[in-house]
Amino acid sequence: MHNCNFNKTALLVEFRRLIWRMELYKKDAKAANHPLCEKLLSECEADLKKYSKKLEDAITGLAKEGKFNFCDKC
């Protein structure tokens, strides 16, 4: 697998993990009645979702083209 392909996959996993975590943090901010924190977390979550989608689309596109595989020429 090209290093770039591995890196995209690793980033996607981390972004998805952070998105899941943001939901929990937003609940905490809401329970603490901290609307500015909740807003900040929502903005961060939106950015992570946007870039997560871009990574997912890149991985899917490469897979459909048969370019998401192991290679000796990295």
N, C-alpha and C. Protein backbone atom coordinates (compact mmCIF):
# COMPACT_ATOMS: atom_id res chain seq x y z
N MET A 1 0.86 -1.16 0.00
CA MET A 1 0.00 0.00 0.00
C MET A 1 0.91 1.23 0.00
N HIS A 2 0.60 2.17 -0.83
CA HIS A 2 1.37 3.41 -0.83
C HIS A 2 1.28 4.07 0.54
N ASN A 3 2.33 4.74 0.93
CA ASN A 3 2.29 5.45 2.20
C ASN A 3 1.15 6.45 2.22
N CYS A 4 0.92 7.11 1.08
CA CYS A 4 -0.19 8.08 1.02
C CYS A 4 -1.53 7.40 1.28
N ASN A 5 -1.71 6.21 0.76
CA ASN A 5 -2.97 5.49 0.98
C ASN A 5 -3.10 5.11 2.46
N PHE A 6 -2.03 4.64 3.04
CA PHE A 6 -2.06 4.31 4.46
C PHE A 6 -2.36 5.56 5.28
N ASN A 7 -1.70 6.66 4.94
CA ASN A 7 -1.89 7.91 5.68
C ASN A 7 -3.33 8.39 5.61
N LYS A 8 -3.94 8.30 4.42
CA LYS A 8 -5.35 8.70 4.28
C LYS A 8 -6.23 7.85 5.18
N THR A 9 -5.98 6.55 5.18
CA THR A 9 -6.77 5.64 6.00
C THR A 9 -6.59 5.93 7.49
N ALA A 10 -5.36 6.15 7.90
CA ALA A 10 -5.08 6.44 9.31
C ALA A 10 -5.74 7.75 9.74
N LEU A 11 -5.67 8.78 8.88
CA LEU A 11 -6.31 10.05 9.20
C LEU A 11 -7.82 9.91 9.30
N LEU A 12 -8.39 9.14 8.38
CA LEU A 12 -9.84 8.94 8.42
C LEU A 12 -10.26 8.28 9.72
N VAL A 13 -9.52 7.29 10.15
CA VAL A 13 -9.83 6.62 11.42
C VAL A 13 -9.75 7.61 12.58
N GLU A 14 -8.71 8.43 12.60
CA GLU A 14 -8.56 9.40 13.69
C GLU A 14 -9.65 10.47 13.64
N PHE A 15 -9.98 10.96 12.45
CA PHE A 15 -11.05 11.96 12.34
C PHE A 15 -12.36 11.39 12.83
N ARG A 16 -12.69 10.17 12.43
CA ARG A 16 -13.94 9.55 12.86
C ARG A 16 -13.97 9.35 14.37
N ARG A 17 -12.82 9.01 14.94
CA ARG A 17 -12.73 8.85 16.40
C ARG A 17 -12.98 10.20 17.09
N LEU A 18 -12.40 11.25 16.54
CA LEU A 18 -12.58 12.58 17.12
C LEU A 18 -14.01 13.08 16.96
N ILE A 19 -14.64 12.77 15.83
CA ILE A 19 -16.03 13.16 15.61
C ILE A 19 -16.92 12.51 16.67
N TRP A 20 -16.70 11.24 16.92
CA TRP A 20 -17.47 10.53 17.94
C TRP A 20 -17.24 11.19 19.31
N ARG A 21 -15.99 11.54 19.60
CA ARG A 21 -15.64 12.14 20.88
C ARG A 21 -16.27 13.52 21.02
N MET A 22 -16.35 14.29 19.92
CA MET A 22 -16.94 15.63 19.95
C MET A 22 -18.38 15.59 20.44
N GLU A 23 -19.11 14.56 20.05
CA GLU A 23 -20.50 14.43 20.51
C GLU A 23 -20.56 14.37 22.03
N LEU A 24 -19.64 13.63 22.61
CA LEU A 24 -19.61 13.52 24.07
C LEU A 24 -19.21 14.85 24.71
N TYR A 25 -18.24 15.51 24.13
CA TYR A 25 -17.80 16.79 24.67
C TYR A 25 -18.89 17.85 24.57
N LYS A 26 -19.64 17.83 23.48
CA LYS A 26 -20.74 18.79 23.32
C LYS A 26 -21.82 18.55 24.38
N LYS A 27 -22.09 17.30 24.68
CA LYS A 27 -23.06 17.00 25.74
C LYS A 27 -22.59 17.54 27.08
N ASP A 28 -21.29 17.40 27.35
CA ASP A 28 -20.73 17.93 28.60
C ASP A 28 -20.85 19.45 28.64
N ALA A 29 -20.54 20.11 27.53
CA ALA A 29 -20.63 21.57 27.47
C ALA A 29 -22.06 22.04 27.68
N LYS A 30 -22.99 21.31 27.08
CA LYS A 30 -24.40 21.67 27.24
C LYS A 30 -24.84 21.49 28.70
N ALA A 31 -24.45 20.37 29.31
CA ALA A 31 -24.81 20.10 30.70
C ALA A 31 -24.20 21.15 31.65
N ALA A 32 -23.03 21.66 31.28
CA ALA A 32 -22.37 22.67 32.11
C ALA A 32 -22.87 24.08 31.79
N ASN A 33 -23.78 24.17 30.82
CA ASN A 33 -24.32 25.47 30.40
C ASN A 33 -23.21 26.41 29.90
N HIS A 34 -22.38 25.87 29.01
CA HIS A 34 -21.30 26.63 28.38
C HIS A 34 -21.57 26.71 26.88
N PRO A 35 -22.45 27.63 26.45
CA PRO A 35 -22.83 27.69 25.03
C PRO A 35 -21.67 28.01 24.09
N LEU A 36 -20.71 28.80 24.54
CA LEU A 36 -19.58 29.11 23.66
C LEU A 36 -18.71 27.87 23.42
N CYS A 37 -18.53 27.08 24.45
CA CYS A 37 -17.79 25.82 24.28
C CYS A 37 -18.53 24.89 23.34
N GLU A 38 -19.83 24.81 23.53
CA GLU A 38 -20.65 23.95 22.66
C GLU A 38 -20.55 24.41 21.21
N LYS A 39 -20.58 25.72 20.99
CA LYS A 39 -20.47 26.26 19.63
C LYS A 39 -19.10 25.94 19.03
N LEU A 40 -18.05 26.14 19.80
CA LEU A 40 -16.70 25.84 19.32
C LEU A 40 -16.57 24.37 18.93
N LEU A 41 -17.07 23.49 19.80
CA LEU A 41 -17.01 22.06 19.53
C LEU A 41 -17.82 21.69 18.29
N SER A 42 -18.96 22.34 18.10
CA SER A 42 -19.78 22.08 16.92
C SER A 42 -19.04 22.50 15.65
N GLU A 43 -18.34 23.63 15.72
CA GLU A 43 -17.57 24.09 14.56
C GLU A 43 -16.42 23.14 14.25
N CYS A 44 -15.73 22.69 15.29
CA CYS A 44 -14.66 21.72 15.10
C CYS A 44 -15.19 20.43 14.50
N GLU A 45 -16.32 19.98 15.00
CA GLU A 45 -16.93 18.76 14.51
C GLU A 45 -17.30 18.89 13.03
N ALA A 46 -17.85 20.05 12.65
CA ALA A 46 -18.23 20.28 11.26
C ALA A 46 -17.00 20.23 10.35
N ASP A 47 -15.91 20.84 10.79
CA ASP A 47 -14.67 20.79 10.00
C ASP A 47 -14.16 19.36 9.87
N LEU A 48 -14.16 18.63 10.97
CA LEU A 48 -13.71 17.23 10.92
C LEU A 48 -14.58 16.40 10.00
N LYS A 49 -15.89 16.63 10.02
CA LYS A 49 -16.79 15.89 9.13
C LYS A 49 -16.51 16.22 7.67
N LYS A 50 -16.22 17.49 7.41
CA LYS A 50 -15.93 17.90 6.03
C LYS A 50 -14.67 17.20 5.52
N TYR A 51 -13.62 17.23 6.31
CA TYR A 51 -12.37 16.60 5.88
C TYR A 51 -12.46 15.08 5.91
N SER A 52 -13.26 14.54 6.80
CA SER A 52 -13.49 13.10 6.82
C SER A 52 -14.14 12.65 5.52
N LYS A 53 -15.10 13.43 5.06
CA LYS A 53 -15.79 13.11 3.80
C LYS A 53 -14.81 13.19 2.63
N LYS A 54 -13.93 14.19 2.62
CA LYS A 54 -12.94 14.31 1.55
C LYS A 54 -12.00 13.10 1.54
N LEU A 55 -11.55 12.70 2.71
CA LEU A 55 -10.69 11.52 2.78
C LEU A 55 -11.42 10.26 2.32
N GLU A 56 -12.66 10.11 2.77
CA GLU A 56 -13.45 8.95 2.37
C GLU A 56 -13.63 8.92 0.85
N ASP A 57 -13.93 10.07 0.26
CA ASP A 57 -14.10 10.14 -1.20
C ASP A 57 -12.80 9.81 -1.93
N ALA A 58 -11.67 10.29 -1.40
CA ALA A 58 -10.38 9.99 -2.02
C ALA A 58 -10.08 8.50 -1.96
N ILE A 59 -10.32 7.89 -0.82
CA ILE A 59 -10.07 6.46 -0.66
C ILE A 59 -10.98 5.65 -1.57
N THR A 60 -12.25 6.01 -1.60
CA THR A 60 -13.21 5.31 -2.45
C THR A 60 -12.85 5.45 -3.92
N GLY A 61 -12.48 6.66 -4.32
CA GLY A 61 -12.09 6.89 -5.71
C GLY A 61 -10.88 6.07 -6.11
N LEU A 62 -9.87 6.03 -5.26
CA LEU A 62 -8.68 5.23 -5.55
C LEU A 62 -9.02 3.75 -5.62
N ALA A 63 -9.88 3.30 -4.72
CA ALA A 63 -10.26 1.88 -4.72
C ALA A 63 -11.00 1.51 -6.00
N LYS A 64 -11.89 2.39 -6.45
CA LYS A 64 -12.64 2.12 -7.69
C LYS A 64 -11.72 2.09 -8.90
N GLU A 65 -10.63 2.85 -8.86
CA GLU A 65 -9.67 2.88 -9.96
C GLU A 65 -8.63 1.77 -9.84
N GLY A 66 -8.70 0.99 -8.78
CA GLY A 66 -7.74 -0.08 -8.56
C GLY A 66 -6.38 0.44 -8.13
N LYS A 67 -6.34 1.64 -7.56
CA LYS A 67 -5.07 2.25 -7.17
C LYS A 67 -4.87 2.26 -5.66
N PHE A 68 -5.73 1.59 -4.93
CA PHE A 68 -5.61 1.55 -3.48
C PHE A 68 -5.12 0.15 -3.11
N ASN A 69 -3.81 -0.08 -3.32
CA ASN A 69 -3.28 -1.42 -3.10
C ASN A 69 -1.84 -1.34 -2.67
N PHE A 70 -1.23 -2.51 -2.49
CA PHE A 70 0.18 -2.59 -2.10
C PHE A 70 1.05 -2.30 -3.31
N CYS A 71 2.20 -1.70 -3.06
CA CYS A 71 3.08 -1.32 -4.14
C CYS A 71 4.52 -1.28 -3.64
N ASP A 72 5.46 -1.64 -4.48
CA ASP A 72 6.88 -1.60 -4.11
C ASP A 72 7.51 -0.25 -4.45
N LYS A 73 6.80 0.60 -5.16
CA LYS A 73 7.39 1.84 -5.68
C LYS A 73 6.98 3.07 -4.90
N CYS A 74 7.08 3.04 -3.61
CA CYS A 74 6.66 4.20 -2.81
C CYS A 74 7.75 5.24 -2.72
